[in-house]
N, C-alpha and C. Protein backbone atom coordinates (compact mmCIF):
# COMPACT_ATOMS: atom_id res chain seq x y z
N MET A 1 -41.51 -29.61 12.81
CA MET A 1 -41.20 -28.82 11.64
C MET A 1 -39.98 -29.41 10.94
N ALA A 2 -39.99 -29.31 9.62
CA ALA A 2 -38.90 -29.86 8.83
C ALA A 2 -38.85 -29.18 7.47
N ASP A 3 -38.08 -29.77 6.58
CA ASP A 3 -37.99 -29.30 5.21
C ASP A 3 -38.94 -30.10 4.36
N GLY A 4 -39.41 -29.51 3.26
CA GLY A 4 -40.31 -30.26 2.40
C GLY A 4 -40.62 -29.52 1.12
N CYS A 5 -41.42 -30.17 0.30
CA CYS A 5 -41.82 -29.63 -1.00
C CYS A 5 -43.32 -29.35 -0.97
N PHE A 6 -43.72 -28.21 -1.50
CA PHE A 6 -45.14 -27.89 -1.61
C PHE A 6 -45.78 -28.84 -2.62
N ASN A 7 -46.99 -29.28 -2.34
CA ASN A 7 -47.68 -30.23 -3.22
C ASN A 7 -47.78 -29.71 -4.65
N ILE A 8 -48.02 -28.39 -4.82
CA ILE A 8 -48.17 -27.80 -6.14
C ILE A 8 -46.90 -27.94 -6.97
N SER A 9 -45.74 -28.09 -6.32
CA SER A 9 -44.46 -28.12 -7.02
C SER A 9 -43.90 -29.51 -7.25
N LYS A 10 -44.49 -30.50 -6.64
CA LYS A 10 -43.98 -31.86 -6.81
C LYS A 10 -44.03 -32.24 -8.28
N GLY A 11 -42.95 -32.74 -8.79
CA GLY A 11 -42.86 -33.10 -10.19
C GLY A 11 -42.46 -31.95 -11.10
N ARG A 12 -42.43 -30.73 -10.58
CA ARG A 12 -42.09 -29.56 -11.40
C ARG A 12 -40.83 -28.85 -10.92
N ILE A 13 -40.22 -29.35 -9.88
CA ILE A 13 -39.10 -28.64 -9.26
C ILE A 13 -37.98 -28.37 -10.25
N ALA A 14 -37.54 -29.38 -10.98
CA ALA A 14 -36.43 -29.20 -11.93
C ALA A 14 -36.82 -28.20 -13.02
N TYR A 15 -38.07 -28.21 -13.44
CA TYR A 15 -38.54 -27.26 -14.46
C TYR A 15 -38.45 -25.83 -13.93
N TYR A 16 -38.96 -25.58 -12.72
CA TYR A 16 -38.90 -24.24 -12.15
C TYR A 16 -37.45 -23.79 -11.99
N ALA A 17 -36.58 -24.69 -11.54
CA ALA A 17 -35.18 -24.34 -11.31
C ALA A 17 -34.45 -24.05 -12.62
N SER A 18 -34.97 -24.54 -13.75
CA SER A 18 -34.34 -24.24 -15.04
C SER A 18 -34.64 -22.82 -15.49
N LEU A 19 -35.52 -22.12 -14.78
CA LEU A 19 -35.90 -20.73 -15.08
C LEU A 19 -36.29 -20.58 -16.55
N PRO A 20 -37.44 -21.17 -16.91
CA PRO A 20 -37.82 -21.25 -18.32
C PRO A 20 -38.33 -19.96 -18.96
N ALA A 21 -38.71 -18.97 -18.18
CA ALA A 21 -39.31 -17.76 -18.75
C ALA A 21 -38.28 -16.62 -18.83
N ALA A 22 -38.64 -15.56 -19.50
CA ALA A 22 -37.71 -14.45 -19.74
C ALA A 22 -37.41 -13.64 -18.48
N ASN A 23 -38.39 -13.42 -17.63
CA ASN A 23 -38.22 -12.57 -16.44
C ASN A 23 -38.51 -13.32 -15.15
N ASP A 24 -38.19 -14.60 -15.11
CA ASP A 24 -38.50 -15.40 -13.93
C ASP A 24 -37.30 -15.51 -13.00
N ALA A 25 -37.56 -15.99 -11.78
CA ALA A 25 -36.50 -16.16 -10.79
C ALA A 25 -36.98 -17.10 -9.69
N LEU A 26 -36.02 -17.69 -9.01
CA LEU A 26 -36.30 -18.38 -7.76
C LEU A 26 -35.97 -17.39 -6.65
N ILE A 27 -36.93 -17.16 -5.76
CA ILE A 27 -36.74 -16.17 -4.70
C ILE A 27 -36.82 -16.85 -3.33
N VAL A 28 -36.21 -16.21 -2.35
CA VAL A 28 -36.25 -16.68 -0.97
C VAL A 28 -37.12 -15.72 -0.18
N VAL A 29 -38.08 -16.29 0.54
CA VAL A 29 -38.99 -15.54 1.39
C VAL A 29 -38.84 -16.08 2.80
N LEU A 30 -38.65 -15.20 3.78
CA LEU A 30 -38.54 -15.62 5.18
C LEU A 30 -39.90 -15.48 5.86
N LEU A 31 -40.24 -16.48 6.69
CA LEU A 31 -41.48 -16.43 7.47
C LEU A 31 -41.16 -16.33 8.95
N LYS A 32 -41.94 -15.50 9.63
CA LYS A 32 -41.80 -15.38 11.08
C LYS A 32 -42.21 -16.68 11.76
N ALA A 33 -41.61 -16.95 12.91
CA ALA A 33 -41.93 -18.15 13.67
C ALA A 33 -43.32 -18.07 14.29
N ALA A 34 -43.70 -16.90 14.78
CA ALA A 34 -45.01 -16.74 15.42
C ALA A 34 -46.12 -16.89 14.39
N GLY A 35 -47.09 -17.75 14.66
CA GLY A 35 -48.22 -17.96 13.77
C GLY A 35 -47.95 -18.90 12.61
N LEU A 36 -46.73 -19.41 12.52
CA LEU A 36 -46.36 -20.30 11.43
C LEU A 36 -47.16 -21.60 11.50
N GLU A 37 -47.80 -21.94 10.41
CA GLU A 37 -48.62 -23.14 10.37
C GLU A 37 -47.74 -24.40 10.31
N ALA A 38 -48.33 -25.52 10.68
CA ALA A 38 -47.63 -26.81 10.63
C ALA A 38 -47.30 -27.16 9.18
N ASP A 39 -46.24 -27.93 8.99
CA ASP A 39 -45.80 -28.30 7.65
C ASP A 39 -46.91 -28.93 6.82
N ASP A 40 -47.72 -29.78 7.43
CA ASP A 40 -48.77 -30.48 6.70
C ASP A 40 -49.85 -29.54 6.20
N THR A 41 -49.98 -28.38 6.82
CA THR A 41 -50.90 -27.35 6.33
C THR A 41 -50.18 -26.44 5.35
N LEU A 42 -48.95 -26.07 5.70
CA LEU A 42 -48.16 -25.16 4.86
C LEU A 42 -47.99 -25.70 3.45
N ASN A 43 -47.74 -26.98 3.32
CA ASN A 43 -47.42 -27.53 1.99
C ASN A 43 -48.63 -27.62 1.05
N ASN A 44 -49.80 -27.25 1.52
CA ASN A 44 -51.00 -27.31 0.67
C ASN A 44 -51.29 -26.02 -0.09
N TYR A 45 -50.56 -24.95 0.19
CA TYR A 45 -50.81 -23.68 -0.49
C TYR A 45 -50.28 -23.73 -1.92
N ASP A 46 -51.07 -23.19 -2.85
CA ASP A 46 -50.71 -23.21 -4.27
C ASP A 46 -50.04 -21.92 -4.72
N ASP A 47 -50.11 -20.86 -3.91
CA ASP A 47 -49.44 -19.62 -4.27
C ASP A 47 -49.07 -18.86 -3.00
N LEU A 48 -48.10 -17.97 -3.15
CA LEU A 48 -47.58 -17.24 -2.00
C LEU A 48 -48.64 -16.31 -1.41
N GLY A 49 -49.49 -15.73 -2.24
CA GLY A 49 -50.53 -14.84 -1.74
C GLY A 49 -51.46 -15.53 -0.76
N ALA A 50 -51.89 -16.74 -1.10
CA ALA A 50 -52.78 -17.50 -0.21
C ALA A 50 -52.05 -17.90 1.07
N LEU A 51 -50.79 -18.27 0.96
CA LEU A 51 -49.99 -18.67 2.13
C LEU A 51 -49.87 -17.50 3.10
N LEU A 52 -49.61 -16.30 2.57
CA LEU A 52 -49.44 -15.13 3.43
C LEU A 52 -50.77 -14.58 3.92
N ALA A 53 -51.88 -14.91 3.26
CA ALA A 53 -53.20 -14.46 3.72
C ALA A 53 -53.65 -15.27 4.93
N ALA A 54 -53.06 -16.44 5.15
CA ALA A 54 -53.37 -17.26 6.32
C ALA A 54 -52.58 -16.68 7.51
N SER A 55 -52.29 -17.48 8.50
CA SER A 55 -51.61 -16.96 9.70
C SER A 55 -50.11 -16.84 9.53
N ASN A 56 -49.58 -17.16 8.36
CA ASN A 56 -48.13 -17.10 8.12
C ASN A 56 -47.74 -15.67 7.75
N ASP A 57 -46.80 -15.11 8.50
CA ASP A 57 -46.39 -13.73 8.27
C ASP A 57 -44.97 -13.67 7.72
N GLU A 58 -44.81 -12.88 6.66
CA GLU A 58 -43.49 -12.68 6.09
C GLU A 58 -42.67 -11.77 7.02
N ALA A 59 -41.37 -12.00 7.02
CA ALA A 59 -40.47 -11.17 7.82
C ALA A 59 -40.61 -9.71 7.44
N ASP A 60 -40.34 -8.84 8.42
CA ASP A 60 -40.35 -7.41 8.15
C ASP A 60 -39.26 -6.70 8.96
N PHE A 61 -38.20 -7.44 9.31
CA PHE A 61 -37.12 -6.85 10.09
C PHE A 61 -36.39 -5.77 9.27
N THR A 62 -35.67 -4.94 9.96
CA THR A 62 -34.89 -3.89 9.32
C THR A 62 -33.95 -4.51 8.29
N ASN A 63 -33.96 -3.97 7.09
CA ASN A 63 -33.12 -4.40 5.95
C ASN A 63 -33.59 -5.70 5.31
N TYR A 64 -34.82 -6.14 5.59
CA TYR A 64 -35.34 -7.34 4.94
C TYR A 64 -35.87 -7.01 3.55
N ALA A 65 -35.58 -7.86 2.63
CA ALA A 65 -36.17 -7.86 1.30
C ALA A 65 -36.10 -9.30 0.80
N ARG A 66 -37.03 -9.68 -0.02
CA ARG A 66 -36.95 -10.99 -0.66
C ARG A 66 -35.68 -11.03 -1.49
N LYS A 67 -35.05 -12.19 -1.52
CA LYS A 67 -33.79 -12.33 -2.25
C LYS A 67 -33.97 -13.29 -3.42
N THR A 68 -33.28 -13.00 -4.50
CA THR A 68 -33.25 -13.89 -5.66
C THR A 68 -32.11 -14.88 -5.47
N LEU A 69 -32.40 -16.17 -5.64
CA LEU A 69 -31.34 -17.17 -5.57
C LEU A 69 -30.39 -16.97 -6.74
N SER A 70 -29.12 -17.09 -6.47
CA SER A 70 -28.12 -17.00 -7.53
C SER A 70 -27.40 -18.33 -7.67
N SER A 71 -26.72 -18.48 -8.77
CA SER A 71 -25.94 -19.70 -9.06
C SER A 71 -26.79 -20.95 -8.94
N VAL A 72 -28.02 -20.87 -9.45
CA VAL A 72 -28.92 -22.03 -9.41
C VAL A 72 -28.39 -23.09 -10.37
N THR A 73 -28.27 -24.32 -9.86
CA THR A 73 -27.83 -25.43 -10.70
C THR A 73 -28.82 -26.57 -10.62
N VAL A 74 -28.99 -27.23 -11.74
CA VAL A 74 -29.81 -28.43 -11.83
C VAL A 74 -28.86 -29.54 -12.27
N THR A 75 -28.63 -30.52 -11.38
CA THR A 75 -27.68 -31.58 -11.67
C THR A 75 -28.41 -32.90 -11.80
N VAL A 76 -28.39 -33.45 -13.01
CA VAL A 76 -29.00 -34.76 -13.25
C VAL A 76 -27.97 -35.82 -12.87
N ASP A 77 -28.36 -36.71 -11.96
CA ASP A 77 -27.49 -37.78 -11.48
C ASP A 77 -28.05 -39.11 -11.99
N ASP A 78 -27.56 -39.55 -13.15
CA ASP A 78 -28.04 -40.79 -13.75
C ASP A 78 -27.66 -42.02 -12.94
N THR A 79 -26.56 -41.96 -12.21
CA THR A 79 -26.12 -43.10 -11.41
C THR A 79 -27.10 -43.39 -10.29
N ASN A 80 -27.56 -42.32 -9.62
CA ASN A 80 -28.47 -42.49 -8.48
C ASN A 80 -29.93 -42.20 -8.85
N ASN A 81 -30.19 -41.93 -10.13
CA ASN A 81 -31.56 -41.71 -10.62
C ASN A 81 -32.28 -40.58 -9.88
N ARG A 82 -31.65 -39.39 -9.90
CA ARG A 82 -32.26 -38.24 -9.23
C ARG A 82 -31.75 -36.95 -9.86
N VAL A 83 -32.36 -35.86 -9.44
CA VAL A 83 -31.95 -34.53 -9.84
C VAL A 83 -31.77 -33.70 -8.57
N ASP A 84 -30.61 -33.07 -8.42
CA ASP A 84 -30.34 -32.21 -7.28
C ASP A 84 -30.37 -30.76 -7.72
N LEU A 85 -31.01 -29.91 -6.92
CA LEU A 85 -31.13 -28.48 -7.20
C LEU A 85 -30.39 -27.71 -6.13
N SER A 86 -29.49 -26.87 -6.54
CA SER A 86 -28.69 -26.13 -5.58
C SER A 86 -28.59 -24.67 -5.97
N ALA A 87 -28.06 -23.87 -5.07
CA ALA A 87 -27.88 -22.44 -5.29
C ALA A 87 -26.87 -21.92 -4.28
N ALA A 88 -26.45 -20.69 -4.47
CA ALA A 88 -25.54 -20.05 -3.53
C ALA A 88 -26.28 -19.70 -2.23
N ASN A 89 -25.53 -19.60 -1.15
CA ASN A 89 -26.11 -19.16 0.12
C ASN A 89 -26.67 -17.75 -0.03
N VAL A 90 -27.58 -17.37 0.87
CA VAL A 90 -28.24 -16.06 0.81
C VAL A 90 -27.99 -15.33 2.12
N THR A 91 -27.56 -14.05 2.02
CA THR A 91 -27.25 -13.26 3.22
C THR A 91 -28.06 -11.98 3.25
N TRP A 92 -28.58 -11.66 4.42
CA TRP A 92 -29.19 -10.36 4.70
C TRP A 92 -28.19 -9.61 5.56
N SER A 93 -27.66 -8.52 5.05
CA SER A 93 -26.68 -7.72 5.78
C SER A 93 -27.39 -6.85 6.81
N SER A 94 -26.78 -6.75 7.98
CA SER A 94 -27.33 -5.94 9.08
C SER A 94 -28.82 -6.22 9.28
N ALA A 95 -29.15 -7.49 9.42
CA ALA A 95 -30.55 -7.92 9.55
C ALA A 95 -31.09 -7.54 10.92
N GLY A 96 -32.08 -6.71 10.93
CA GLY A 96 -32.70 -6.31 12.19
C GLY A 96 -31.97 -5.12 12.80
N GLY A 97 -32.11 -5.02 14.10
CA GLY A 97 -31.55 -3.90 14.83
C GLY A 97 -32.68 -3.02 15.34
N ALA A 98 -33.22 -2.18 14.46
CA ALA A 98 -34.34 -1.33 14.85
C ALA A 98 -35.62 -2.15 14.99
N THR A 99 -35.89 -3.01 14.02
CA THR A 99 -37.02 -3.94 14.07
C THR A 99 -36.47 -5.33 13.89
N ASN A 100 -36.79 -6.22 14.83
CA ASN A 100 -36.28 -7.59 14.80
C ASN A 100 -37.41 -8.59 14.65
N ASN A 101 -37.08 -9.77 14.12
CA ASN A 101 -38.03 -10.88 13.98
C ASN A 101 -37.38 -12.17 14.43
N SER A 102 -38.21 -13.07 14.94
CA SER A 102 -37.82 -14.46 15.13
C SER A 102 -38.31 -15.21 13.90
N ILE A 103 -37.39 -15.82 13.17
CA ILE A 103 -37.69 -16.48 11.91
C ILE A 103 -37.87 -17.98 12.15
N GLY A 104 -38.81 -18.59 11.42
CA GLY A 104 -39.08 -20.01 11.58
C GLY A 104 -38.84 -20.82 10.32
N LYS A 105 -39.00 -20.21 9.15
CA LYS A 105 -38.85 -20.93 7.88
C LYS A 105 -38.33 -20.00 6.81
N PHE A 106 -37.65 -20.62 5.81
CA PHE A 106 -37.44 -19.92 4.56
C PHE A 106 -38.07 -20.73 3.46
N LEU A 107 -38.63 -20.02 2.50
CA LEU A 107 -39.28 -20.63 1.35
C LEU A 107 -38.45 -20.34 0.11
N VAL A 108 -38.37 -21.31 -0.77
CA VAL A 108 -37.88 -21.06 -2.12
C VAL A 108 -39.12 -21.06 -2.99
N CYS A 109 -39.32 -19.98 -3.72
CA CYS A 109 -40.51 -19.81 -4.54
C CYS A 109 -40.12 -19.50 -5.97
N TYR A 110 -40.97 -19.91 -6.90
CA TYR A 110 -40.77 -19.60 -8.30
C TYR A 110 -41.64 -18.41 -8.66
N ASP A 111 -41.00 -17.33 -9.09
CA ASP A 111 -41.70 -16.13 -9.53
C ASP A 111 -41.64 -16.11 -11.05
N PRO A 112 -42.76 -16.37 -11.73
CA PRO A 112 -42.74 -16.47 -13.19
C PRO A 112 -42.54 -15.14 -13.91
N ASP A 113 -42.72 -14.02 -13.20
CA ASP A 113 -42.52 -12.72 -13.83
C ASP A 113 -42.12 -11.71 -12.77
N THR A 114 -40.84 -11.47 -12.63
CA THR A 114 -40.34 -10.57 -11.59
C THR A 114 -40.62 -9.10 -11.90
N THR A 115 -41.08 -8.80 -13.12
CA THR A 115 -41.32 -7.41 -13.47
C THR A 115 -42.73 -6.94 -13.14
N THR A 116 -43.72 -7.83 -13.27
CA THR A 116 -45.11 -7.40 -13.03
C THR A 116 -45.93 -8.37 -12.21
N GLY A 117 -45.33 -9.45 -11.74
CA GLY A 117 -46.09 -10.47 -11.02
C GLY A 117 -46.57 -10.00 -9.66
N THR A 118 -47.50 -10.74 -9.10
CA THR A 118 -48.00 -10.49 -7.75
C THR A 118 -47.80 -11.76 -6.94
N ASP A 119 -48.02 -11.67 -5.64
CA ASP A 119 -47.86 -12.85 -4.78
C ASP A 119 -48.77 -13.99 -5.19
N SER A 120 -49.90 -13.69 -5.80
CA SER A 120 -50.80 -14.77 -6.22
C SER A 120 -50.26 -15.53 -7.43
N SER A 121 -49.26 -14.99 -8.11
CA SER A 121 -48.64 -15.72 -9.22
C SER A 121 -47.34 -16.40 -8.82
N VAL A 122 -46.86 -16.15 -7.61
CA VAL A 122 -45.62 -16.76 -7.11
C VAL A 122 -45.94 -18.14 -6.55
N ILE A 123 -45.22 -19.15 -7.03
CA ILE A 123 -45.48 -20.55 -6.65
C ILE A 123 -44.48 -20.99 -5.60
N PRO A 124 -44.94 -21.37 -4.41
CA PRO A 124 -44.01 -21.88 -3.40
C PRO A 124 -43.50 -23.26 -3.83
N VAL A 125 -42.18 -23.45 -3.77
CA VAL A 125 -41.57 -24.68 -4.24
C VAL A 125 -41.14 -25.56 -3.06
N THR A 126 -40.29 -25.01 -2.19
CA THR A 126 -39.83 -25.78 -1.03
C THR A 126 -39.86 -24.90 0.21
N TYR A 127 -39.92 -25.56 1.37
CA TYR A 127 -39.83 -24.86 2.65
C TYR A 127 -38.76 -25.54 3.49
N HIS A 128 -38.09 -24.73 4.32
CA HIS A 128 -36.96 -25.22 5.10
C HIS A 128 -36.97 -24.55 6.47
N ASP A 129 -36.65 -25.31 7.49
CA ASP A 129 -36.50 -24.73 8.82
C ASP A 129 -35.36 -23.71 8.80
N ALA A 130 -35.58 -22.59 9.41
CA ALA A 130 -34.57 -21.54 9.56
C ALA A 130 -34.89 -20.83 10.87
N VAL A 131 -34.25 -21.23 11.93
CA VAL A 131 -34.58 -20.72 13.25
C VAL A 131 -33.48 -19.76 13.70
N PHE A 132 -33.81 -18.46 13.70
CA PHE A 132 -32.89 -17.45 14.19
C PHE A 132 -33.68 -16.19 14.51
N THR A 133 -33.07 -15.32 15.31
CA THR A 133 -33.67 -14.04 15.64
C THR A 133 -32.72 -12.94 15.19
N THR A 134 -33.25 -11.99 14.47
CA THR A 134 -32.41 -10.90 13.98
C THR A 134 -32.02 -9.97 15.12
N ASP A 135 -30.83 -9.35 14.98
CA ASP A 135 -30.34 -8.45 16.03
C ASP A 135 -29.42 -7.37 15.46
N GLY A 136 -29.46 -7.18 14.15
CA GLY A 136 -28.61 -6.18 13.52
C GLY A 136 -27.36 -6.75 12.89
N THR A 137 -27.09 -8.02 13.11
CA THR A 137 -25.92 -8.66 12.49
C THR A 137 -26.34 -9.31 11.18
N ASP A 138 -25.37 -9.72 10.38
CA ASP A 138 -25.65 -10.41 9.13
C ASP A 138 -26.28 -11.77 9.43
N GLN A 139 -27.25 -12.16 8.63
CA GLN A 139 -27.89 -13.48 8.75
C GLN A 139 -27.76 -14.18 7.40
N THR A 140 -27.25 -15.40 7.42
CA THR A 140 -27.04 -16.17 6.20
C THR A 140 -27.84 -17.45 6.23
N ILE A 141 -28.56 -17.69 5.15
CA ILE A 141 -29.23 -18.97 4.95
C ILE A 141 -28.25 -19.83 4.16
N THR A 142 -27.83 -20.92 4.76
CA THR A 142 -26.90 -21.82 4.09
C THR A 142 -27.71 -22.88 3.35
N ILE A 143 -27.54 -22.91 2.04
CA ILE A 143 -28.24 -23.92 1.24
C ILE A 143 -27.59 -25.27 1.55
N PRO A 144 -28.38 -26.23 2.04
CA PRO A 144 -27.80 -27.50 2.46
C PRO A 144 -27.22 -28.28 1.29
N SER A 145 -26.23 -29.11 1.57
CA SER A 145 -25.65 -29.97 0.55
C SER A 145 -26.49 -31.24 0.46
N PRO A 146 -26.86 -31.71 -0.69
CA PRO A 146 -26.41 -31.33 -2.02
C PRO A 146 -27.24 -30.24 -2.66
N GLY A 147 -28.17 -29.62 -1.94
CA GLY A 147 -28.95 -28.54 -2.51
C GLY A 147 -30.23 -28.31 -1.73
N PHE A 148 -31.07 -27.42 -2.25
CA PHE A 148 -32.32 -27.10 -1.55
C PHE A 148 -33.43 -28.08 -1.88
N ALA A 149 -33.22 -28.92 -2.90
CA ALA A 149 -34.24 -29.92 -3.24
C ALA A 149 -33.61 -31.05 -4.03
N ARG A 150 -34.27 -32.20 -3.94
CA ARG A 150 -33.87 -33.39 -4.71
C ARG A 150 -35.13 -34.03 -5.24
N ALA A 151 -35.15 -34.26 -6.53
CA ALA A 151 -36.26 -34.98 -7.16
C ALA A 151 -35.76 -36.37 -7.51
N ALA A 152 -36.45 -37.36 -6.97
CA ALA A 152 -36.02 -38.75 -7.21
C ALA A 152 -37.18 -39.58 -7.67
């Protein structure tokens, strides 16, 4: 298991991160470790609904909710001929306790309409290893440096 980009998002990452629509967002979705498909299978899904309809289960621990990435930046690096995408770290306060999960991945997804969209319209962009078990304490996903994705 590792980090990677979904095939549907290759070549579009910087566009999605620019948040081009009126009610769009980049969201973080946590996946349970149990039943998690291999990266080479995971990266073939074109929408979050199809990904979750397979054996991949979204977290459901106490106090879990999908989170919107904040402080999203798109940095064009002309010297190194690439674009880096970054955001602030994401924290779930008092994660678990009554209901706990073992987490295996976090996804960054592009939601084109946060007001009326469904999982079938949410586009998975990147996936990242996130191995932890909730126990009622705060859990933070640290966005790696230089960011959650690089287009080169």
